[in-house]
Amino acid sequence: MPRGSAREQAIERVRRLLASVGFYVSDAHSIRPTSFDLVARRDSLLLVLKVLKNIDALDPEEAARLRELGGLFPAVALVVGQTSGTTPLEAGVVYNRYGVPILAEESLADYVGKGVPPFLFSSPGGVFARIDGPRLREIREARSLSLGALASVAGVSRRTIQLYEDGAGAEVHVVERLEEYVGEPIALPIDLLRLPPSGRTPRRESDEEEPSPRPHELSPTGDAMRDDVFRQLDTMGWEVVVTLRCPFDAFTHGPTSSAEEVLLTSVGSLRTAHHRAEVLQELARVLEGHALFVVREPPAHRSVDGLAIVTVRELQRHRDRDELVELLTEREGQ
């Protein structure tokens, strides 16, 4: 990747940071536009990241695509940023745009490298922390402190102290006053690295016996060849989710969460396959799945840099998911 722009340099710094703390990280790719910049795995934790200089550049559609990918993989979707407008992001603070959490590079390094999670979050009106309400109540009752006494220390009302004990968030200066008074931390860490629920359809007991095709219609993409490929995969029993602004045209998976049944599916010309081969294979390795590129005319070789190439006619001859995975595995080694 060229290293000319500040954003490209930031992407490379984040990639190196994750690699240095044990993540297997995809190389930053040059296919633009794209809804993400890096995918990284460490053990069962998968991250999909977008790197921005100014986090205000994240728009609602881009955020929605990040959240969708996070649910599909499943992965933790994060944005790593430097500024909000002209104001630098604060270390240890979680920001948010359209439901996507955002961290400064320093905060990400502390979290994934040192195991130090953020405790603060930015919200309209200031910077806040969520209080460990049960612990605050336990301390107050054990020391025979009244709600009024804590309210006086914190500079808030008695009712607000009750809200804190129920788990409400508090401004950072209030939390600091309370922690200094009681002599121990009462702010809860923010767990950003919890995987979201998978967006995949779970397998039912009877799925093994259900014939294809399944009774639903795929939305047309406007490209006849791509629509034909997606319908064929659908009739084979794959779940097909069309993606936008990605190196792959669809996220395709079986009815289970088995990694070996994940396909990053692309459709197009052999020239495009050559252009995307390295990126697709790299992403497939991080996801512990497969990449598939479907072309119309038979190519001279059955793979490009390890990317399995399958013609439309070959795909039509396969009616079983396992057979297709076996074919892809064979061609990846060629």
C-alpha atoms as a PDB file:
ATOM      1  CA  MET A   1       0.000   0.000   0.000  1.00  0.00           C
ATOM      2  CA  PRO A   2       1.323   3.491  -0.789  1.00  0.00           C
ATOM      3  CA  ARG A   3       2.342   5.383   2.285  1.00  0.00           C
ATOM      4  CA  GLY A   4       1.635   8.889   1.021  1.00  0.00           C
ATOM      5  CA  SER A   5      -1.419  10.000   2.988  1.00  0.00           C
ATOM      6  CA  ALA A   6      -1.793  10.435   6.734  1.00  0.00           C
ATOM      7  CA  ARG A   7      -4.677   7.926   6.745  1.00  0.00           C
ATOM      8  CA  GLU A   8      -2.627   5.279   4.964  1.00  0.00           C
ATOM      9  CA  GLN A   9       0.137   5.736   7.505  1.00  0.00           C
ATOM     10  CA  ALA A  10      -2.397   5.442  10.326  1.00  0.00           C
ATOM     11  CA  ILE A  11      -3.766   2.196   8.835  1.00  0.00           C
ATOM     12  CA  GLU A  12      -0.247   0.778   8.719  1.00  0.00           C
ATOM     13  CA  ARG A  13       0.417   1.808  12.340  1.00  0.00           C
ATOM     14  CA  VAL A  14      -2.765   0.067  13.482  1.00  0.00           C
ATOM     15  CA  ARG A  15      -1.889  -3.034  11.448  1.00  0.00           C
ATOM     16  CA  ARG A  16       1.570  -3.208  13.027  1.00  0.00           C
ATOM     17  CA  LEU A  17       0.163  -2.603  16.500  1.00  0.00           C
ATOM     18  CA  LEU A  18      -2.272  -5.505  16.212  1.00  0.00           C
ATOM     19  CA  ALA A  19       0.368  -7.801  14.728  1.00  0.00           C
ATOM     20  CA  SER A  20       2.762  -6.948  17.571  1.00  0.00           C
ATOM     21  CA  VAL A  21       0.270  -8.153  20.211  1.00  0.00           C
ATOM     22  CA  GLY A  22      -0.539 -11.470  18.579  1.00  0.00           C
ATOM     23  CA  PHE A  23      -3.239 -10.710  16.039  1.00  0.00           C
ATOM     24  CA  TYR A  24      -3.154 -12.227  12.574  1.00  0.00           C
ATOM     25  CA  VAL A  25      -3.926  -9.150  10.483  1.00  0.00           C
ATOM     26  CA  SER A  26      -4.949  -8.781   6.872  1.00  0.00           C
ATOM     27  CA  ASP A  27      -2.748  -6.498   4.812  1.00  0.00           C
ATOM     28  CA  ALA A  28      -4.307  -3.121   4.188  1.00  0.00           C
ATOM     29  CA  HIS A  29      -5.685  -3.284   0.672  1.00  0.00           C
ATOM     30  CA  SER A  30      -5.896  -0.730  -2.097  1.00  0.00           C
ATOM     31  CA  ILE A  31      -9.370  -1.637  -3.411  1.00  0.00           C
ATOM     32  CA  ARG A  32     -11.453   1.493  -2.961  1.00  0.00           C
ATOM     33  CA  PRO A  33     -14.019   2.435  -1.949  1.00  0.00           C
ATOM     34  CA  THR A  34     -14.384   0.056   0.952  1.00  0.00           C
ATOM     35  CA  SER A  35     -16.351  -0.084   4.185  1.00  0.00           C
ATOM     36  CA  PHE A  36     -13.382  -1.384   6.215  1.00  0.00           C
ATOM     37  CA  ASP A  37      -9.589  -1.270   6.168  1.00  0.00           C
ATOM     38  CA  LEU A  38      -8.357  -4.220   8.253  1.00  0.00           C
ATOM     39  CA  VAL A  39      -9.556  -7.551   9.592  1.00  0.00           C
ATOM     40  CA  ALA A  40      -7.643  -9.086  12.500  1.00  0.00           C
ATOM     41  CA  ARG A  41      -7.958 -12.314  14.504  1.00  0.00           C
ATOM     42  CA  ARG A  42      -6.521 -13.411  17.839  1.00  0.00           C
ATOM     43  CA  ASP A  43      -7.823 -16.763  19.010  1.00  0.00           C
ATOM     44  CA  SER A  44     -11.634 -16.486  18.865  1.00  0.00           C
ATOM     45  CA  LEU A  45     -11.641 -12.670  18.766  1.00  0.00           C
ATOM     46  CA  LEU A  46     -12.177 -11.146  15.333  1.00  0.00           C
ATOM     47  CA  LEU A  47     -11.941  -7.410  14.658  1.00  0.00           C
ATOM     48  CA  VAL A  48     -13.074  -5.482  11.598  1.00  0.00           C
ATOM     49  CA  LEU A  49     -11.638  -1.971  11.615  1.00  0.00           C
ATOM     50  CA  LYS A  50     -12.016   1.304   9.812  1.00  0.00           C
ATOM     51  CA  VAL A  51      -9.255   3.877  10.298  1.00  0.00           C
ATOM     52  CA  LEU A  52     -10.089   7.578   9.946  1.00  0.00           C
ATOM     53  CA  LYS A  53      -8.241  10.787  10.618  1.00  0.00           C
ATOM     54  CA  ASN A  54     -11.435  12.713  11.443  1.00  0.00           C
ATOM     55  CA  ILE A  55     -14.165  10.498  12.903  1.00  0.00           C
ATOM     56  CA  ASP A  56     -16.820  12.975  11.759  1.00  0.00           C
ATOM     57  CA  ALA A  57     -16.182  11.639   8.246  1.00  0.00           C
ATOM     58  CA  LEU A  58     -18.001   8.405   9.169  1.00  0.00           C
ATOM     59  CA  ASP A  59     -21.461   8.587   7.620  1.00  0.00           C
ATOM     60  CA  PRO A  60     -24.580   6.594   8.614  1.00  0.00           C
ATOM     61  CA  GLU A  61     -24.409   4.215   5.625  1.00  0.00           C
ATOM     62  CA  GLU A  62     -20.754   3.384   6.227  1.00  0.00           C
ATOM     63  CA  ALA A  63     -21.446   2.792   9.916  1.00  0.00           C
ATOM     64  CA  ALA A  64     -24.383   0.517   9.016  1.00  0.00           C
ATOM     65  CA  ARG A  65     -22.127  -1.574   6.755  1.00  0.00           C
ATOM     66  CA  LEU A  66     -19.546  -1.918   9.514  1.00  0.00           C
ATOM     67  CA  ARG A  67     -22.214  -3.068  11.961  1.00  0.00           C
ATOM     68  CA  GLU A  68     -23.594  -5.503   9.387  1.00  0.00           C
ATOM     69  CA  LEU A  69     -20.175  -7.041   8.748  1.00  0.00           C
ATOM     70  CA  GLY A  70     -19.617  -7.310  12.488  1.00  0.00           C
ATOM     71  CA  GLY A  71     -22.821  -9.301  12.838  1.00  0.00           C
ATOM     72  CA  LEU A  72     -22.079 -11.525   9.842  1.00  0.00           C
ATOM     73  CA  PHE A  73     -18.510 -12.592  10.586  1.00  0.00           C
ATOM     74  CA  PRO A  74     -19.193 -12.223  13.620  1.00  0.00           C
ATOM     75  CA  ALA A  75     -16.610  -9.645  14.634  1.00  0.00           C
ATOM     76  CA  VAL A  76     -16.167  -6.582  16.800  1.00  0.00           C
ATOM     77  CA  ALA A  77     -16.535  -3.541  14.538  1.00  0.00           C
ATOM     78  CA  LEU A  78     -14.356  -0.613  15.583  1.00  0.00           C
ATOM     79  CA  VAL A  79     -13.252   2.720  14.182  1.00  0.00           C
ATOM     80  CA  VAL A  80      -9.796   4.009  15.087  1.00  0.00           C
ATOM     81  CA  GLY A  81      -9.548   7.774  14.779  1.00  0.00           C
ATOM     82  CA  GLN A  82      -7.376  10.763  15.528  1.00  0.00           C
ATOM     83  CA  THR A  83      -9.667  13.773  15.778  1.00  0.00           C
ATOM     84  CA  SER A  84     -13.272  14.885  16.024  1.00  0.00           C
ATOM     85  CA  GLY A  85     -13.242  17.961  13.865  1.00  0.00           C
ATOM     86  CA  THR A  86     -10.050  19.697  14.934  1.00  0.00           C
ATOM     87  CA  THR A  87     -10.082  18.303  18.487  1.00  0.00           C
ATOM     88  CA  PRO A  88      -7.806  15.294  19.170  1.00  0.00           C
ATOM     89  CA  LEU A  89      -9.517  12.222  20.601  1.00  0.00           C
ATOM     90  CA  GLU A  90      -8.748  11.651  24.279  1.00  0.00           C
ATOM     91  CA  ALA A  91      -6.968   8.506  25.417  1.00  0.00           C
ATOM     92  CA  GLY A  92      -9.126   6.135  27.444  1.00  0.00           C
ATOM     93  CA  VAL A  93     -12.380   7.544  26.083  1.00  0.00           C
ATOM     94  CA  VAL A  94     -14.843   5.670  23.863  1.00  0.00           C
ATOM     95  CA  TYR A  95     -16.547   7.783  21.225  1.00  0.00           C
ATOM     96  CA  ASN A  96     -19.519   6.740  19.132  1.00  0.00           C
ATOM     97  CA  ARG A  97     -20.911   7.522  15.717  1.00  0.00           C
ATOM     98  CA  TYR A  98     -24.132   5.852  14.537  1.00  0.00           C
ATOM     99  CA  GLY A  99     -23.722   2.900  16.886  1.00  0.00           C
ATOM    100  CA  VAL A 100     -20.061   2.181  16.086  1.00  0.00           C
ATOM    101  CA  PRO A 101     -17.529   2.560  18.937  1.00  0.00           C
ATOM    102  CA  ILE A 102     -14.459   4.668  18.221  1.00  0.00           C
ATOM    103  CA  LEU A 103     -11.067   4.734  19.936  1.00  0.00           C
ATOM    104  CA  ALA A 104      -7.878   6.708  19.604  1.00  0.00           C
ATOM    105  CA  GLU A 105      -4.797   4.696  18.590  1.00  0.00           C
ATOM    106  CA  GLU A 106      -3.384   5.022  22.112  1.00  0.00           C
ATOM    107  CA  SER A 107      -6.584   3.637  23.620  1.00  0.00           C
ATOM    108  CA  LEU A 108      -6.533   0.669  21.238  1.00  0.00           C
ATOM    109  CA  ALA A 109      -2.901  -0.032  22.153  1.00  0.00           C
ATOM    110  CA  ASP A 110      -3.717  -0.004  25.886  1.00  0.00           C
ATOM    111  CA  TYR A 111      -6.748  -2.238  25.376  1.00  0.00           C
ATOM    112  CA  VAL A 112      -5.409  -4.971  23.082  1.00  0.00           C
ATOM    113  CA  GLY A 113      -1.759  -4.729  24.152  1.00  0.00           C
ATOM    114  CA  LYS A 114      -1.867  -4.131  27.901  1.00  0.00           C
ATOM    115  CA  GLY A 115      -5.349  -5.385  28.693  1.00  0.00           C
ATOM    116  CA  VAL A 116      -6.374  -1.964  30.013  1.00  0.00           C
ATOM    117  CA  PRO A 117      -9.951  -1.263  28.883  1.00  0.00           C
ATOM    118  CA  PRO A 118     -11.387   2.227  28.579  1.00  0.00           C
ATOM    119  CA  PHE A 119     -13.591   3.460  31.427  1.00  0.00           C
ATOM    120  CA  LEU A 120     -14.919   6.687  29.924  1.00  0.00           C
ATOM    121  CA  PHE A 121     -17.330   7.433  27.116  1.00  0.00           C
ATOM    122  CA  SER A 122     -18.053  10.647  25.291  1.00  0.00           C
ATOM    123  CA  SER A 123     -21.670  11.746  25.109  1.00  0.00           C
ATOM    124  CA  PRO A 124     -23.487  15.019  24.468  1.00  0.00           C
ATOM    125  CA  GLY A 125     -22.742  17.119  27.515  1.00  0.00           C
ATOM    126  CA  GLY A 126     -19.324  15.754  28.352  1.00  0.00           C
ATOM    127  CA  VAL A 127     -17.307  12.687  29.270  1.00  0.00           C
ATOM    128  CA  PHE A 128     -18.946  10.084  31.480  1.00  0.00           C
ATOM    129  CA  ALA A 129     -18.304   6.767  33.217  1.00  0.00           C
ATOM    130  CA  ARG A 130     -20.756   4.078  34.253  1.00  0.00           C
ATOM    131  CA  ILE A 131     -20.740   3.536  37.996  1.00  0.00           C
ATOM    132  CA  ASP A 132     -20.708   0.116  39.651  1.00  0.00           C
ATOM    133  CA  GLY A 133     -23.980   0.792  41.421  1.00  0.00           C
ATOM    134  CA  PRO A 134     -24.158  -2.315  43.642  1.00  0.00           C
ATOM    135  CA  ARG A 135     -20.603  -1.682  44.878  1.00  0.00           C
ATOM    136  CA  LEU A 136     -21.337   1.967  45.613  1.00  0.00           C
ATOM    137  CA  ARG A 137     -24.445   0.987  47.605  1.00  0.00           C
ATOM    138  CA  GLU A 138     -22.497  -1.718  49.443  1.00  0.00           C
ATOM    139  CA  ILE A 139     -19.800   0.799  50.441  1.00  0.00           C
ATOM    140  CA  ARG A 140     -22.367   3.382  51.559  1.00  0.00           C
ATOM    141  CA  GLU A 141     -24.308   0.918  53.682  1.00  0.00           C
ATOM    142  CA  ALA A 142     -21.179  -0.720  55.159  1.00  0.00           C
ATOM    143  CA  ARG A 143     -19.901   2.706  56.284  1.00  0.00           C
ATOM    144  CA  SER A 144     -23.349   3.943  57.372  1.00  0.00           C
ATOM    145  CA  LEU A 145     -23.182   6.821  54.901  1.00  0.00           C
ATOM    146  CA  SER A 146     -26.390   8.573  53.966  1.00  0.00           C
ATOM    147  CA  LEU A 147     -27.459   9.431  50.430  1.00  0.00           C
ATOM    148  CA  GLY A 148     -27.141  13.051  51.452  1.00  0.00           C
ATOM    149  CA  ALA A 149     -23.527  12.625  52.547  1.00  0.00           C
ATOM    150  CA  LEU A 150     -22.491  11.167  49.192  1.00  0.00           C
ATOM    151  CA  ALA A 151     -24.587  13.756  47.365  1.00  0.00           C
ATOM    152  CA  SER A 152     -22.743  16.518  49.186  1.00  0.00           C
ATOM    153  CA  VAL A 153     -19.347  15.021  48.295  1.00  0.00           C
ATOM    154  CA  ALA A 154     -20.267  14.540  44.642  1.00  0.00           C
ATOM    155  CA  GLY A 155     -22.072  17.858  44.267  1.00  0.00           C
ATOM    156  CA  VAL A 156     -25.293  16.238  43.074  1.00  0.00           C
ATOM    157  CA  SER A 157     -28.750  15.493  44.474  1.00  0.00           C
ATOM    158  CA  ARG A 158     -29.758  12.544  46.660  1.00  0.00           C
ATOM    159  CA  ARG A 159     -31.916  11.283  43.772  1.00  0.00           C
ATOM    160  CA  THR A 160     -28.868  11.308  41.488  1.00  0.00           C
ATOM    161  CA  ILE A 161     -26.917   9.156  43.955  1.00  0.00           C
ATOM    162  CA  GLN A 162     -29.801   6.679  43.837  1.00  0.00           C
ATOM    163  CA  LEU A 163     -29.562   6.658  40.050  1.00  0.00           C
ATOM    164  CA  TYR A 164     -25.815   5.960  40.317  1.00  0.00           C
ATOM    165  CA  GLU A 165     -26.563   3.015  42.587  1.00  0.00           C
ATOM    166  CA  ASP A 166     -28.902   1.734  39.879  1.00  0.00           C
ATOM    167  CA  GLY A 167     -26.043   1.846  37.363  1.00  0.00           C
ATOM    168  CA  ALA A 168     -26.496   5.258  35.744  1.00  0.00           C
ATOM    169  CA  GLY A 169     -23.564   7.053  34.188  1.00  0.00           C
ATOM    170  CA  ALA A 170     -21.893  10.029  35.849  1.00  0.00           C
ATOM    171  CA  GLU A 171     -19.710  12.845  34.656  1.00  0.00           C
ATOM    172  CA  VAL A 172     -16.034  12.106  35.057  1.00  0.00           C
ATOM    173  CA  HIS A 173     -15.417  14.790  37.705  1.00  0.00           C
ATOM    174  CA  VAL A 174     -18.255  13.336  39.814  1.00  0.00           C
ATOM    175  CA  VAL A 175     -16.754   9.862  39.567  1.00  0.00           C
ATOM    176  CA  GLU A 176     -13.355  11.223  40.584  1.00  0.00           C
ATOM    177  CA  ARG A 177     -14.845  12.904  43.689  1.00  0.00           C
ATOM    178  CA  LEU A 178     -16.659   9.747  44.748  1.00  0.00           C
ATOM    179  CA  GLU A 179     -13.638   7.510  44.166  1.00  0.00           C
ATOM    180  CA  GLU A 180     -11.406   9.847  46.156  1.00  0.00           C
ATOM    181  CA  TYR A 181     -13.923   9.889  49.004  1.00  0.00           C
ATOM    182  CA  VAL A 182     -14.540   6.129  49.237  1.00  0.00           C
ATOM    183  CA  GLY A 183     -10.908   5.259  48.485  1.00  0.00           C
ATOM    184  CA  GLU A 184     -11.478   2.740  45.704  1.00  0.00           C
ATOM    185  CA  PRO A 185     -12.499   2.583  42.025  1.00  0.00           C
ATOM    186  CA  ILE A 186     -16.230   2.545  41.352  1.00  0.00           C
ATOM    187  CA  ALA A 187     -16.229   3.081  37.568  1.00  0.00           C
ATOM    188  CA  LEU A 188     -16.959   0.048  35.402  1.00  0.00           C
ATOM    189  CA  PRO A 189     -14.712  -0.811  32.442  1.00  0.00           C
ATOM    190  CA  ILE A 190     -16.251  -0.655  28.966  1.00  0.00           C
ATOM    191  CA  ASP A 191     -16.094  -4.090  27.339  1.00  0.00           C
ATOM    192  CA  LEU A 192     -15.784  -3.351  23.622  1.00  0.00           C
ATOM    193  CA  LEU A 193     -14.262  -6.700  22.674  1.00  0.00           C
ATOM    194  CA  ARG A 194     -17.381  -8.763  23.225  1.00  0.00           C
ATOM    195  CA  LEU A 195     -18.484 -10.370  19.979  1.00  0.00           C
ATOM    196  CA  PRO A 196     -21.930  -9.334  18.735  1.00  0.00           C
ATOM    197  CA  PRO A 197     -24.621 -11.958  18.159  1.00  0.00           C
ATOM    198  CA  SER A 198     -24.126 -13.628  14.800  1.00  0.00           C
ATOM    199  CA  GLY A 199     -26.384 -12.449  12.022  1.00  0.00           C
ATOM    200  CA  ARG A 200     -26.443 -15.935  10.545  1.00  0.00           C
ATOM    201  CA  THR A 201     -29.513 -18.115  10.442  1.00  0.00           C
ATOM    202  CA  PRO A 202     -29.067 -20.988  12.935  1.00  0.00           C
ATOM    203  CA  ARG A 203     -29.453 -24.564  11.779  1.00  0.00           C
ATOM    204  CA  ARG A 204     -32.592 -26.356  12.932  1.00  0.00           C
ATOM    205  CA  GLU A 205     -32.793 -30.041  13.719  1.00  0.00           C
ATOM    206  CA  SER A 206     -34.783 -30.638  10.542  1.00  0.00           C
ATOM    207  CA  ASP A 207     -32.478 -28.672   8.232  1.00  0.00           C
ATOM    208  CA  GLU A 208     -30.491 -31.779   7.317  1.00  0.00           C
ATOM    209  CA  GLU A 209     -33.611 -33.241   5.723  1.00  0.00           C
ATOM    210  CA  GLU A 210     -34.951 -30.102   4.086  1.00  0.00           C
ATOM    211  CA  PRO A 211     -34.497 -29.958   0.325  1.00  0.00           C
ATOM    212  CA  SER A 212     -33.294 -26.923  -1.608  1.00  0.00           C
ATOM    213  CA  PRO A 213     -34.238 -24.424  -2.783  1.00  0.00           C
ATOM    214  CA  ARG A 214     -35.441 -22.566   0.310  1.00  0.00           C
ATOM    215  CA  PRO A 215     -38.633 -20.550  -0.079  1.00  0.00           C
ATOM    216  CA  HIS A 216     -37.345 -16.985  -0.286  1.00  0.00           C
ATOM    217  CA  GLU A 217     -36.266 -14.553  -2.965  1.00  0.00           C
ATOM    218  CA  LEU A 218     -32.909 -12.811  -3.239  1.00  0.00           C
ATOM    219  CA  SER A 219     -33.056  -9.128  -4.049  1.00  0.00           C
ATOM    220  CA  PRO A 220     -31.642  -8.404  -7.524  1.00  0.00           C
ATOM    221  CA  THR A 221     -28.307  -6.579  -7.679  1.00  0.00           C
ATOM    222  CA  GLY A 222     -28.762  -5.195 -11.202  1.00  0.00           C
ATOM    223  CA  ASP A 223     -26.087  -7.493 -12.621  1.00  0.00           C
ATOM    224  CA  ALA A 224     -27.537 -10.578 -14.356  1.00  0.00           C
ATOM    225  CA  MET A 225     -24.458 -12.773 -13.961  1.00  0.00           C
ATOM    226  CA  ARG A 226     -24.063 -11.885 -10.291  1.00  0.00           C
ATOM    227  CA  ASP A 227     -27.755 -12.537  -9.656  1.00  0.00           C
ATOM    228  CA  ASP A 228     -27.527 -15.950 -11.351  1.00  0.00           C
ATOM    229  CA  VAL A 229     -24.503 -16.923  -9.215  1.00  0.00           C
ATOM    230  CA  PHE A 230     -26.178 -15.833  -5.992  1.00  0.00           C
ATOM    231  CA  ARG A 231     -29.370 -17.723  -6.863  1.00  0.00           C
ATOM    232  CA  GLN A 232     -27.335 -20.847  -7.591  1.00  0.00           C
ATOM    233  CA  LEU A 233     -25.553 -20.622  -4.246  1.00  0.00           C
ATOM    234  CA  ASP A 234     -28.899 -20.026  -2.580  1.00  0.00           C
ATOM    235  CA  THR A 235     -30.423 -23.172  -4.105  1.00  0.00           C
ATOM    236  CA  MET A 236     -27.401 -25.140  -2.843  1.00  0.00           C
ATOM    237  CA  GLY A 237     -28.311 -24.152   0.712  1.00  0.00           C
ATOM    238  CA  TRP A 238     -25.913 -21.242   1.231  1.00  0.00           C
ATOM    239  CA  GLU A 239     -27.031 -18.057   2.955  1.00  0.00           C
ATOM    240  CA  VAL A 240     -26.093 -15.187   0.625  1.00  0.00           C
ATOM    241  CA  VAL A 241     -25.733 -11.640   1.957  1.00  0.00           C
ATOM    242  CA  VAL A 242     -24.886  -9.074  -0.714  1.00  0.00           C
ATOM    243  CA  THR A 243     -22.213  -6.624   0.454  1.00  0.00           C
ATOM    244  CA  LEU A 244     -21.440  -3.072  -0.621  1.00  0.00           C
ATOM    245  CA  ARG A 245     -18.079  -1.325  -0.757  1.00  0.00           C
ATOM    246  CA  CYS A 246     -16.221  -4.561   0.005  1.00  0.00           C
ATOM    247  CA  PRO A 247     -13.541  -6.511  -1.887  1.00  0.00           C
ATOM    248  CA  PHE A 248     -16.112  -9.340  -2.108  1.00  0.00           C
ATOM    249  CA  ASP A 249     -19.592  -9.122  -3.631  1.00  0.00           C
ATOM    250  CA  ALA A 250     -21.338 -11.338  -1.095  1.00  0.00           C
ATOM    251  CA  PHE A 251     -20.721 -12.874   2.286  1.00  0.00           C
ATOM    252  CA  THR A 252     -21.845 -16.457   1.785  1.00  0.00           C
ATOM    253  CA  HIS A 253     -22.135 -19.007   4.558  1.00  0.00           C
ATOM    254  CA  GLY A 254     -23.752 -22.266   5.478  1.00  0.00           C
ATOM    255  CA  PRO A 255     -26.557 -22.605   8.022  1.00  0.00           C
ATOM    256  CA  THR A 256     -24.078 -23.228  10.851  1.00  0.00           C
ATOM    257  CA  SER A 257     -21.384 -21.007  12.346  1.00  0.00           C
ATOM    258  CA  SER A 258     -18.672 -23.411  11.161  1.00  0.00           C
ATOM    259  CA  ALA A 259     -15.728 -21.399   9.834  1.00  0.00           C
ATOM    260  CA  GLU A 260     -15.119 -23.842   7.010  1.00  0.00           C
ATOM    261  CA  GLU A 261     -18.525 -22.922   5.593  1.00  0.00           C
ATOM    262  CA  VAL A 262     -17.719 -19.237   5.114  1.00  0.00           C
ATOM    263  CA  LEU A 263     -17.191 -18.056   1.538  1.00  0.00           C
ATOM    264  CA  LEU A 264     -16.189 -14.598   0.410  1.00  0.00           C
ATOM    265  CA  THR A 265     -17.844 -14.663  -2.998  1.00  0.00           C
ATOM    266  CA  SER A 266     -16.938 -12.431  -5.931  1.00  0.00           C
ATOM    267  CA  VAL A 267     -18.258 -12.428  -9.479  1.00  0.00           C
ATOM    268  CA  GLY A 268     -16.731 -10.836 -12.557  1.00  0.00           C
ATOM    269  CA  SER A 269     -13.941 -10.984 -15.082  1.00  0.00           C
ATOM    270  CA  LEU A 270     -10.692 -12.876 -14.802  1.00  0.00           C
ATOM    271  CA  ARG A 271      -8.893  -9.529 -14.849  1.00  0.00           C
ATOM    272  CA  THR A 272     -10.803  -8.487 -11.726  1.00  0.00           C
ATOM    273  CA  ALA A 273      -9.969 -11.834 -10.145  1.00  0.00           C
ATOM    274  CA  HIS A 274      -6.262 -11.152 -10.656  1.00  0.00           C
ATOM    275  CA  HIS A 275      -6.702  -7.713  -9.107  1.00  0.00           C
ATOM    276  CA  ARG A 276      -8.550  -8.996  -6.028  1.00  0.00           C
ATOM    277  CA  ALA A 277      -6.848 -12.381  -5.541  1.00  0.00           C
ATOM    278  CA  GLU A 278      -4.352 -11.385  -2.864  1.00  0.00           C
ATOM    279  CA  VAL A 279      -6.883  -9.366  -0.892  1.00  0.00           C
ATOM    280  CA  LEU A 280      -9.563 -12.067  -0.972  1.00  0.00           C
ATOM    281  CA  GLN A 281      -7.203 -14.845   0.041  1.00  0.00           C
ATOM    282  CA  GLU A 282      -5.754 -12.747   2.841  1.00  0.00           C
ATOM    283  CA  LEU A 283      -9.207 -11.952   4.209  1.00  0.00           C
ATOM    284  CA  ALA A 284     -10.315 -15.577   3.883  1.00  0.00           C
ATOM    285  CA  ARG A 285      -7.286 -16.744   5.871  1.00  0.00           C
ATOM    286  CA  VAL A 286      -7.992 -14.280   8.671  1.00  0.00           C
ATOM    287  CA  LEU A 287     -11.656 -15.343   8.709  1.00  0.00           C
ATOM    288  CA  GLU A 288     -10.593 -19.008   8.571  1.00  0.00           C
ATOM    289  CA  GLY A 289     -12.867 -19.550   5.604  1.00  0.00           C
ATOM    290  CA  HIS A 290     -12.653 -19.635   1.796  1.00  0.00           C
ATOM    291  CA  ALA A 291     -12.739 -17.184  -1.076  1.00  0.00           C
ATOM    292  CA  LEU A 292     -14.483 -17.930  -4.357  1.00  0.00           C
ATOM    293  CA  PHE A 293     -14.312 -16.009  -7.626  1.00  0.00           C
ATOM    294  CA  VAL A 294     -16.848 -16.907 -10.311  1.00  0.00           C
ATOM    295  CA  VAL A 295     -16.136 -16.102 -13.970  1.00  0.00           C
ATOM    296  CA  ARG A 296     -18.063 -16.765 -17.168  1.00  0.00           C
ATOM    297  CA  GLU A 297     -15.384 -18.201 -19.475  1.00  0.00           C
ATOM    298  CA  PRO A 298     -13.060 -21.115 -18.535  1.00  0.00           C
ATOM    299  CA  PRO A 299      -9.690 -19.688 -17.411  1.00  0.00           C
ATOM    300  CA  ALA A 300      -6.290 -21.098 -18.274  1.00  0.00           C
ATOM    301  CA  HIS A 301      -5.697 -21.862 -14.590  1.00  0.00           C
ATOM    302  CA  ARG A 302      -8.077 -22.985 -11.878  1.00  0.00           C
ATOM    303  CA  SER A 303      -6.699 -20.563  -9.311  1.00  0.00           C
ATOM    304  CA  VAL A 304      -5.015 -17.170  -9.175  1.00  0.00           C
ATOM    305  CA  ASP A 305      -2.456 -16.805  -6.386  1.00  0.00           C
ATOM    306  CA  GLY A 306      -4.373 -19.412  -4.384  1.00  0.00           C
ATOM    307  CA  LEU A 307      -7.798 -17.885  -5.106  1.00  0.00           C
ATOM    308  CA  ALA A 308     -10.153 -20.578  -6.422  1.00  0.00           C
ATOM    309  CA  ILE A 309     -11.632 -19.705  -9.827  1.00  0.00           C
ATOM    310  CA  VAL A 310     -14.916 -21.393 -10.759  1.00  0.00           C
ATOM    311  CA  THR A 311     -16.953 -20.884 -13.927  1.00  0.00           C
ATOM    312  CA  VAL A 312     -20.694 -20.314 -13.897  1.00  0.00           C
ATOM    313  CA  ARG A 313     -21.181 -23.675 -15.598  1.00  0.00           C
ATOM    314  CA  GLU A 314     -19.040 -25.498 -13.008  1.00  0.00           C
ATOM    315  CA  LEU A 315     -21.015 -23.886 -10.216  1.00  0.00           C
ATOM    316  CA  GLN A 316     -24.267 -25.045 -11.805  1.00  0.00           C
ATOM    317  CA  ARG A 317     -23.017 -28.641 -11.739  1.00  0.00           C
ATOM    318  CA  HIS A 318     -22.571 -28.573  -7.952  1.00  0.00           C
ATOM    319  CA  ARG A 319     -25.680 -29.162  -5.889  1.00  0.00           C
ATOM    320  CA  ASP A 320     -24.032 -29.846  -2.542  1.00  0.00           C
ATOM    321  CA  ARG A 321     -22.251 -27.400  -0.225  1.00  0.00           C
ATOM    322  CA  ASP A 322     -19.656 -29.942   0.871  1.00  0.00           C
ATOM    323  CA  GLU A 323     -18.735 -30.698  -2.746  1.00  0.00           C
ATOM    324  CA  LEU A 324     -18.183 -27.031  -3.448  1.00  0.00           C
ATOM    325  CA  VAL A 325     -16.017 -26.567  -0.339  1.00  0.00           C
ATOM    326  CA  GLU A 326     -14.003 -29.628  -1.400  1.00  0.00           C
ATOM    327  CA  LEU A 327     -13.506 -28.130  -4.866  1.00  0.00           C
ATOM    328  CA  LEU A 328     -12.376 -24.792  -3.409  1.00  0.00           C
ATOM    329  CA  THR A 329      -9.950 -26.496  -1.004  1.00  0.00           C
ATOM    330  CA  GLU A 330      -8.430 -28.442  -3.891  1.00  0.00           C
ATOM    331  CA  ARG A 331      -7.975 -25.359  -6.078  1.00  0.00           C
ATOM    332  CA  GLU A 332      -6.576 -23.214  -3.275  1.00  0.00           C
ATOM    333  CA  GLY A 333      -3.618 -25.570  -3.185  1.00  0.00           C
ATOM    334  CA  GLN A 334      -2.920 -25.327  -6.910  1.00  0.00           C
END
